[in-house]
PDB file of N, CA and C in Angstrom:
ATOM      1  N   UNK A   1      18.959  69.355 -68.722  1.00  0.00           N
ATOM      2  CA  UNK A   1      20.037  68.419 -68.908  1.00  0.00           C
ATOM      3  C   UNK A   1      20.492  67.915 -67.549  1.00  0.00           C
ATOM      4  N   UNK A   2      20.860  66.657 -67.491  1.00  0.00           N
ATOM      5  CA  UNK A   2      21.372  66.061 -66.260  1.00  0.00           C
ATOM      6  C   UNK A   2      22.864  66.354 -66.184  1.00  0.00           C
ATOM      7  N   UNK A   3      23.335  66.682 -64.973  1.00  0.00           N
ATOM      8  CA  UNK A   3      24.727  67.082 -64.798  1.00  0.00           C
ATOM      9  C   UNK A   3      25.401  66.259 -63.708  1.00  0.00           C
ATOM     10  N   UNK A   4      26.594  65.751 -64.051  1.00  0.00           N
ATOM     11  CA  UNK A   4      27.481  65.097 -63.087  1.00  0.00           C
ATOM     12  C   UNK A   4      28.720  65.966 -62.975  1.00  0.00           C
ATOM     13  N   UNK A   5      29.309  66.045 -61.770  1.00  0.00           N
ATOM     14  CA  UNK A   5      30.506  66.856 -61.583  1.00  0.00           C
ATOM     15  C   UNK A   5      31.591  66.092 -60.850  1.00  0.00           C
ATOM     16  N   UNK A   6      32.806  66.567 -61.054  1.00  0.00           N
ATOM     17  CA  UNK A   6      33.960  66.119 -60.289  1.00  0.00           C
ATOM     18  C   UNK A   6      34.785  67.370 -60.018  1.00  0.00           C
ATOM     19  N   UNK A   7      35.092  67.618 -58.752  1.00  0.00           N
ATOM     20  CA  UNK A   7      35.834  68.811 -58.375  1.00  0.00           C
ATOM     21  C   UNK A   7      37.178  68.391 -57.791  1.00  0.00           C
ATOM     22  N   UNK A   8      38.240  68.971 -58.344  1.00  0.00           N
ATOM     23  CA  UNK A   8      39.592  68.746 -57.850  1.00  0.00           C
ATOM     24  C   UNK A   8      40.094  70.079 -57.319  1.00  0.00           C
ATOM     25  N   UNK A   9      40.482  70.107 -56.055  1.00  0.00           N
ATOM     26  CA  UNK A   9      40.933  71.357 -55.452  1.00  0.00           C
ATOM     27  C   UNK A   9      42.411  71.311 -55.132  1.00  0.00           C
ATOM     28  N   UNK A  10      43.101  72.361 -55.539  1.00  0.00           N
ATOM     29  CA  UNK A  10      44.500  72.551 -55.200  1.00  0.00           C
ATOM     30  C   UNK A  10      44.612  73.680 -54.193  1.00  0.00           C
ATOM     31  N   UNK A  11      45.831  74.098 -53.897  1.00  0.00           N
ATOM     32  CA  UNK A  11      46.027  75.185 -52.935  1.00  0.00           C
ATOM     33  C   UNK A  11      45.527  76.516 -53.457  1.00  0.00           C
ATOM     34  N   UNK A  12      45.683  76.752 -54.751  1.00  0.00           N
ATOM     35  CA  UNK A  12      45.310  78.053 -55.302  1.00  0.00           C
ATOM     36  C   UNK A  12      44.359  77.966 -56.485  1.00  0.00           C
ATOM     37  N   UNK A  13      43.815  76.790 -56.735  1.00  0.00           N
ATOM     38  CA  UNK A  13      42.902  76.645 -57.870  1.00  0.00           C
ATOM     39  C   UNK A  13      41.921  75.498 -57.620  1.00  0.00           C
ATOM     40  N   UNK A  14      40.959  75.452 -58.486  1.00  0.00           N
ATOM     41  CA  UNK A  14      39.965  74.380 -58.455  1.00  0.00           C
ATOM     42  C   UNK A  14      39.629  74.039 -59.893  1.00  0.00           C
ATOM     43  N   UNK A  15      39.529  72.742 -60.194  1.00  0.00           N
ATOM     44  CA  UNK A  15      39.092  72.296 -61.513  1.00  0.00           C
ATOM     45  C   UNK A  15      37.730  71.635 -61.335  1.00  0.00           C
ATOM     46  N   UNK A  16      36.761  72.142 -62.061  1.00  0.00           N
ATOM     47  CA  UNK A  16      35.407  71.591 -62.003  1.00  0.00           C
ATOM     48  C   UNK A  16      35.109  70.967 -63.352  1.00  0.00           C
ATOM     49  N   UNK A  17      34.817  69.672 -63.324  1.00  0.00           N
ATOM     50  CA  UNK A  17      34.497  68.934 -64.554  1.00  0.00           C
ATOM     51  C   UNK A  17      33.000  68.630 -64.545  1.00  0.00           C
ATOM     52  N   UNK A  18      32.331  69.030 -65.603  1.00  0.00           N
ATOM     53  CA  UNK A  18      30.907  68.768 -65.774  1.00  0.00           C
ATOM     54  C   UNK A  18      30.738  67.758 -66.893  1.00  0.00           C
ATOM     55  N   UNK A  19      29.750  66.891 -66.764  1.00  0.00           N
ATOM     56  CA  UNK A  19      29.449  65.947 -67.830  1.00  0.00           C
ATOM     57  C   UNK A  19      27.948  65.723 -67.876  1.00  0.00           C
ATOM     58  N   UNK A  20      27.436  65.539 -69.070  1.00  0.00           N
ATOM     59  CA  UNK A  20      26.002  65.287 -69.257  1.00  0.00           C
ATOM     60  C   UNK A  20      25.674  63.801 -69.266  1.00  0.00           C
ATOM     61  N   UNK A  21      26.689  62.959 -69.135  1.00  0.00           N
ATOM     62  CA  UNK A  21      26.484  61.509 -69.084  1.00  0.00           C
ATOM     63  C   UNK A  21      26.975  60.985 -67.743  1.00  0.00           C
ATOM     64  N   UNK A  22      26.369  59.922 -67.286  1.00  0.00           N
ATOM     65  CA  UNK A  22      26.729  59.341 -66.005  1.00  0.00           C
ATOM     66  C   UNK A  22      28.133  58.752 -66.052  1.00  0.00           C
ATOM     67  N   UNK A  23      28.905  59.044 -65.022  1.00  0.00           N
ATOM     68  CA  UNK A  23      30.246  58.492 -64.856  1.00  0.00           C
ATOM     69  C   UNK A  23      30.393  58.042 -63.409  1.00  0.00           C
ATOM     70  N   UNK A  24      31.014  56.900 -63.198  1.00  0.00           N
ATOM     71  CA  UNK A  24      31.118  56.336 -61.855  1.00  0.00           C
ATOM     72  C   UNK A  24      31.981  57.181 -60.927  1.00  0.00           C
ATOM     73  N   UNK A  25      32.944  57.923 -61.468  1.00  0.00           N
ATOM     74  CA  UNK A  25      33.807  58.738 -60.618  1.00  0.00           C
ATOM     75  C   UNK A  25      33.307  60.173 -60.453  1.00  0.00           C
ATOM     76  N   UNK A  26      32.088  60.442 -60.904  1.00  0.00           N
ATOM     77  CA  UNK A  26      31.508  61.783 -60.796  1.00  0.00           C
ATOM     78  C   UNK A  26      30.257  61.735 -59.928  1.00  0.00           C
ATOM     79  N   UNK A  27      29.924  62.886 -59.353  1.00  0.00           N
ATOM     80  CA  UNK A  27      28.744  63.008 -58.496  1.00  0.00           C
ATOM     81  C   UNK A  27      27.591  63.624 -59.276  1.00  0.00           C
ATOM     82  N   UNK A  28      26.419  63.027 -59.138  1.00  0.00           N
ATOM     83  CA  UNK A  28      25.228  63.563 -59.798  1.00  0.00           C
ATOM     84  C   UNK A  28      24.794  64.816 -59.053  1.00  0.00           C
ATOM     85  N   UNK A  29      24.664  65.929 -59.772  1.00  0.00           N
ATOM     86  CA  UNK A  29      24.279  67.202 -59.165  1.00  0.00           C
ATOM     87  C   UNK A  29      22.783  67.442 -59.317  1.00  0.00           C
ATOM     88  N   UNK A  30      22.223  67.066 -60.460  1.00  0.00           N
ATOM     89  CA  UNK A  30      20.794  67.263 -60.676  1.00  0.00           C
ATOM     90  C   UNK A  30      20.483  67.556 -62.126  1.00  0.00           C
ATOM     91  N   UNK A  31      19.216  67.840 -62.360  1.00  0.00           N
ATOM     92  CA  UNK A  31      18.749  68.187 -63.700  1.00  0.00           C
ATOM     93  C   UNK A  31      18.580  69.701 -63.754  1.00  0.00           C
ATOM     94  N   UNK A  32      19.167  70.304 -64.764  1.00  0.00           N
ATOM     95  CA  UNK A  32      19.172  71.756 -64.897  1.00  0.00           C
ATOM     96  C   UNK A  32      18.534  72.174 -66.211  1.00  0.00           C
ATOM     97  N   UNK A  33      17.757  73.248 -66.168  1.00  0.00           N
ATOM     98  CA  UNK A  33      17.383  73.908 -67.413  1.00  0.00           C
ATOM     99  C   UNK A  33      18.467  74.959 -67.664  1.00  0.00           C
ATOM    100  N   UNK A  34      18.391  75.679 -68.752  1.00  0.00           N
ATOM    101  CA  UNK A  34      19.442  76.638 -69.096  1.00  0.00           C
ATOM    102  C   UNK A  34      19.641  77.689 -68.007  1.00  0.00           C
ATOM    103  N   UNK A  35      18.556  78.237 -67.503  1.00  0.00           N
ATOM    104  CA  UNK A  35      18.642  79.284 -66.484  1.00  0.00           C
ATOM    105  C   UNK A  35      19.288  78.767 -65.210  1.00  0.00           C
ATOM    106  N   UNK A  36      18.886  77.606 -64.762  1.00  0.00           N
ATOM    107  CA  UNK A  36      19.443  77.035 -63.535  1.00  0.00           C
ATOM    108  C   UNK A  36      20.930  76.733 -63.686  1.00  0.00           C
ATOM    109  N   UNK A  37      21.357  76.249 -64.861  1.00  0.00           N
ATOM    110  CA  UNK A  37      22.773  75.961 -65.064  1.00  0.00           C
ATOM    111  C   UNK A  37      23.584  77.255 -65.095  1.00  0.00           C
ATOM    112  N   UNK A  38      23.054  78.289 -65.725  1.00  0.00           N
ATOM    113  CA  UNK A  38      23.744  79.583 -65.732  1.00  0.00           C
ATOM    114  C   UNK A  38      23.915  80.106 -64.308  1.00  0.00           C
ATOM    115  N   UNK A  39      22.883  79.980 -63.489  1.00  0.00           N
ATOM    116  CA  UNK A  39      22.964  80.419 -62.093  1.00  0.00           C
ATOM    117  C   UNK A  39      23.991  79.610 -61.319  1.00  0.00           C
ATOM    118  N   UNK A  40      24.058  78.305 -61.583  1.00  0.00           N
ATOM    119  CA  UNK A  40      25.039  77.441 -60.934  1.00  0.00           C
ATOM    120  C   UNK A  40      26.457  77.881 -61.289  1.00  0.00           C
ATOM    121  N   UNK A  41      26.697  78.162 -62.567  1.00  0.00           N
ATOM    122  CA  UNK A  41      28.015  78.632 -62.994  1.00  0.00           C
ATOM    123  C   UNK A  41      28.355  79.978 -62.362  1.00  0.00           C
ATOM    124  N   UNK A  42      27.383  80.857 -62.305  1.00  0.00           N
ATOM    125  CA  UNK A  42      27.595  82.186 -61.727  1.00  0.00           C
ATOM    126  C   UNK A  42      27.983  82.091 -60.255  1.00  0.00           C
ATOM    127  N   UNK A  43      27.400  81.131 -59.534  1.00  0.00           N
ATOM    128  CA  UNK A  43      27.744  80.941 -58.117  1.00  0.00           C
ATOM    129  C   UNK A  43      29.164  80.416 -57.946  1.00  0.00           C
ATOM    130  N   UNK A  44      29.635  79.618 -58.901  1.00  0.00           N
ATOM    131  CA  UNK A  44      31.008  79.111 -58.831  1.00  0.00           C
ATOM    132  C   UNK A  44      32.020  80.240 -58.929  1.00  0.00           C
ATOM    133  N   UNK A  45      31.783  81.156 -59.884  1.00  0.00           N
ATOM    134  CA  UNK A  45      32.706  82.263 -60.106  1.00  0.00           C
ATOM    135  C   UNK A  45      31.960  83.323 -60.917  1.00  0.00           C
ATOM    136  N   UNK A  46      31.856  84.496 -60.365  1.00  0.00           N
ATOM    137  CA  UNK A  46      31.109  85.582 -61.011  1.00  0.00           C
ATOM    138  C   UNK A  46      31.705  86.067 -62.319  1.00  0.00           C
ATOM    139  N   UNK A  47      32.967  85.699 -62.599  1.00  0.00           N
ATOM    140  CA  UNK A  47      33.606  86.176 -63.828  1.00  0.00           C
ATOM    141  C   UNK A  47      33.452  85.211 -64.997  1.00  0.00           C
ATOM    142  N   UNK A  48      32.754  84.099 -64.790  1.00  0.00           N
ATOM    143  CA  UNK A  48      32.569  83.095 -65.844  1.00  0.00           C
ATOM    144  C   UNK A  48      31.630  83.630 -66.926  1.00  0.00           C
ATOM    145  N   UNK A  49      31.978  83.388 -68.178  1.00  0.00           N
ATOM    146  CA  UNK A  49      31.106  83.714 -69.305  1.00  0.00           C
ATOM    147  C   UNK A  49      30.058  82.599 -69.395  1.00  0.00           C
ATOM    148  N   UNK A  50      28.926  82.803 -68.741  1.00  0.00           N
ATOM    149  CA  UNK A  50      27.934  81.734 -68.625  1.00  0.00           C
ATOM    150  C   UNK A  50      27.310  81.361 -69.965  1.00  0.00           C
ATOM    151  N   UNK A  51      27.097  82.323 -70.835  1.00  0.00           N
ATOM    152  CA  UNK A  51      26.496  82.034 -72.146  1.00  0.00           C
ATOM    153  C   UNK A  51      27.405  81.124 -72.966  1.00  0.00           C
ATOM    154  N   UNK A  52      28.692  81.461 -73.009  1.00  0.00           N
ATOM    155  CA  UNK A  52      29.647  80.668 -73.783  1.00  0.00           C
ATOM    156  C   UNK A  52      29.754  79.250 -73.225  1.00  0.00           C
ATOM    157  N   UNK A  53      29.845  79.135 -71.906  1.00  0.00           N
ATOM    158  CA  UNK A  53      30.011  77.817 -71.294  1.00  0.00           C
ATOM    159  C   UNK A  53      28.745  76.972 -71.390  1.00  0.00           C
ATOM    160  N   UNK A  54      27.584  77.587 -71.393  1.00  0.00           N
ATOM    161  CA  UNK A  54      26.343  76.850 -71.623  1.00  0.00           C
ATOM    162  C   UNK A  54      26.340  76.265 -73.033  1.00  0.00           C
ATOM    163  N   UNK A  55      26.763  77.045 -74.017  1.00  0.00           N
ATOM    164  CA  UNK A  55      26.834  76.560 -75.395  1.00  0.00           C
ATOM    165  C   UNK A  55      27.831  75.409 -75.521  1.00  0.00           C
ATOM    166  N   UNK A  56      28.979  75.529 -74.829  1.00  0.00           N
ATOM    167  CA  UNK A  56      30.004  74.485 -74.904  1.00  0.00           C
ATOM    168  C   UNK A  56      29.515  73.163 -74.329  1.00  0.00           C
ATOM    169  N   UNK A  57      28.874  73.193 -73.164  1.00  0.00           N
ATOM    170  CA  UNK A  57      28.412  71.933 -72.568  1.00  0.00           C
ATOM    171  C   UNK A  57      27.289  71.313 -73.391  1.00  0.00           C
ATOM    172  N   UNK A  58      26.457  72.143 -73.994  1.00  0.00           N
ATOM    173  CA  UNK A  58      25.388  71.604 -74.835  1.00  0.00           C
ATOM    174  C   UNK A  58      25.964  70.976 -76.113  1.00  0.00           C
ATOM    175  N   UNK A  59      26.998  71.568 -76.661  1.00  0.00           N
ATOM    176  CA  UNK A  59      27.586  71.059 -77.896  1.00  0.00           C
ATOM    177  C   UNK A  59      28.420  69.800 -77.657  1.00  0.00           C
ATOM    178  N   UNK A  60      29.323  69.863 -76.674  1.00  0.00           N
ATOM    179  CA  UNK A  60      30.254  68.754 -76.438  1.00  0.00           C
ATOM    180  C   UNK A  60      29.744  67.713 -75.443  1.00  0.00           C
ATOM    181  N   UNK A  61      28.843  68.108 -74.552  1.00  0.00           N
ATOM    182  CA  UNK A  61      28.345  67.177 -73.542  1.00  0.00           C
ATOM    183  C   UNK A  61      29.201  67.148 -72.292  1.00  0.00           C
ATOM    184  N   UNK A  62      30.265  67.954 -72.276  1.00  0.00           N
ATOM    185  CA  UNK A  62      31.100  68.068 -71.082  1.00  0.00           C
ATOM    186  C   UNK A  62      31.727  69.463 -71.058  1.00  0.00           C
ATOM    187  N   UNK A  63      32.234  69.840 -69.899  1.00  0.00           N
ATOM    188  CA  UNK A  63      32.842  71.144 -69.724  1.00  0.00           C
ATOM    189  C   UNK A  63      33.833  71.046 -68.579  1.00  0.00           C
ATOM    190  N   UNK A  64      35.038  71.580 -68.779  1.00  0.00           N
ATOM    191  CA  UNK A  64      36.043  71.633 -67.725  1.00  0.00           C
ATOM    192  C   UNK A  64      36.358  73.097 -67.456  1.00  0.00           C
ATOM    193  N   UNK A  65      36.278  73.491 -66.192  1.00  0.00           N
ATOM    194  CA  UNK A  65      36.582  74.863 -65.807  1.00  0.00           C
ATOM    195  C   UNK A  65      37.762  74.889 -64.843  1.00  0.00           C
ATOM    196  N   UNK A  66      38.717  75.753 -65.103  1.00  0.00           N
ATOM    197  CA  UNK A  66      39.842  75.981 -64.214  1.00  0.00           C
ATOM    198  C   UNK A  66      39.565  77.290 -63.501  1.00  0.00           C
ATOM    199  N   UNK A  67      39.363  77.223 -62.203  1.00  0.00           N
ATOM    200  CA  UNK A  67      39.044  78.409 -61.412  1.00  0.00           C
ATOM    201  C   UNK A  67      40.199  78.698 -60.466  1.00  0.00           C
ATOM    202  N   UNK A  68      40.844  79.851 -60.649  1.00  0.00           N
ATOM    203  CA  UNK A  68      41.951  80.205 -59.772  1.00  0.00           C
ATOM    204  C   UNK A  68      41.417  80.975 -58.580  1.00  0.00           C
ATOM    205  N   UNK A  69      42.124  80.837 -57.472  1.00  0.00           N
ATOM    206  CA  UNK A  69      41.733  81.520 -56.245  1.00  0.00           C
ATOM    207  C   UNK A  69      41.966  83.012 -56.422  1.00  0.00           C
ATOM    208  N   UNK A  70      40.986  83.794 -56.003  1.00  0.00           N
ATOM    209  CA  UNK A  70      41.144  85.243 -56.099  1.00  0.00           C
ATOM    210  C   UNK A  70      41.948  85.740 -54.906  1.00  0.00           C
ATOM    211  N   UNK A  71      42.849  86.667 -55.173  1.00  0.00           N
ATOM    212  CA  UNK A  71      43.671  87.222 -54.104  1.00  0.00           C
ATOM    213  C   UNK A  71      42.840  88.157 -53.243  1.00  0.00           C
ATOM    214  N   UNK A  72      42.992  88.022 -51.936  1.00  0.00           N
ATOM    215  CA  UNK A  72      42.311  88.912 -50.975  1.00  0.00           C
ATOM    216  C   UNK A  72      43.224  90.095 -50.699  1.00  0.00           C
ATOM    217  N   UNK A  73      42.703  91.314 -50.828  1.00  0.00           N
ATOM    218  CA  UNK A  73      43.509  92.508 -50.539  1.00  0.00           C
ATOM    219  C   UNK A  73      43.224  93.018 -49.159  1.00  0.00           C
TER     220      UNK A  73
END
């Protein structure tokens, strides 16, 4: 599947929007098979449920992730 993204970063969070259709305000990331997309999600945040989010993007054609900054101890 072809993936476009838009990333919005705040002070303590990041919103990553994925879409399977071309959008002028999004950046083309590349073509992913299931394994490659799961690896991409895992690199964003190790706590992401990659199986669930893969199913969601395949069903809806888009996916929005809210990633909060992890506290450093």
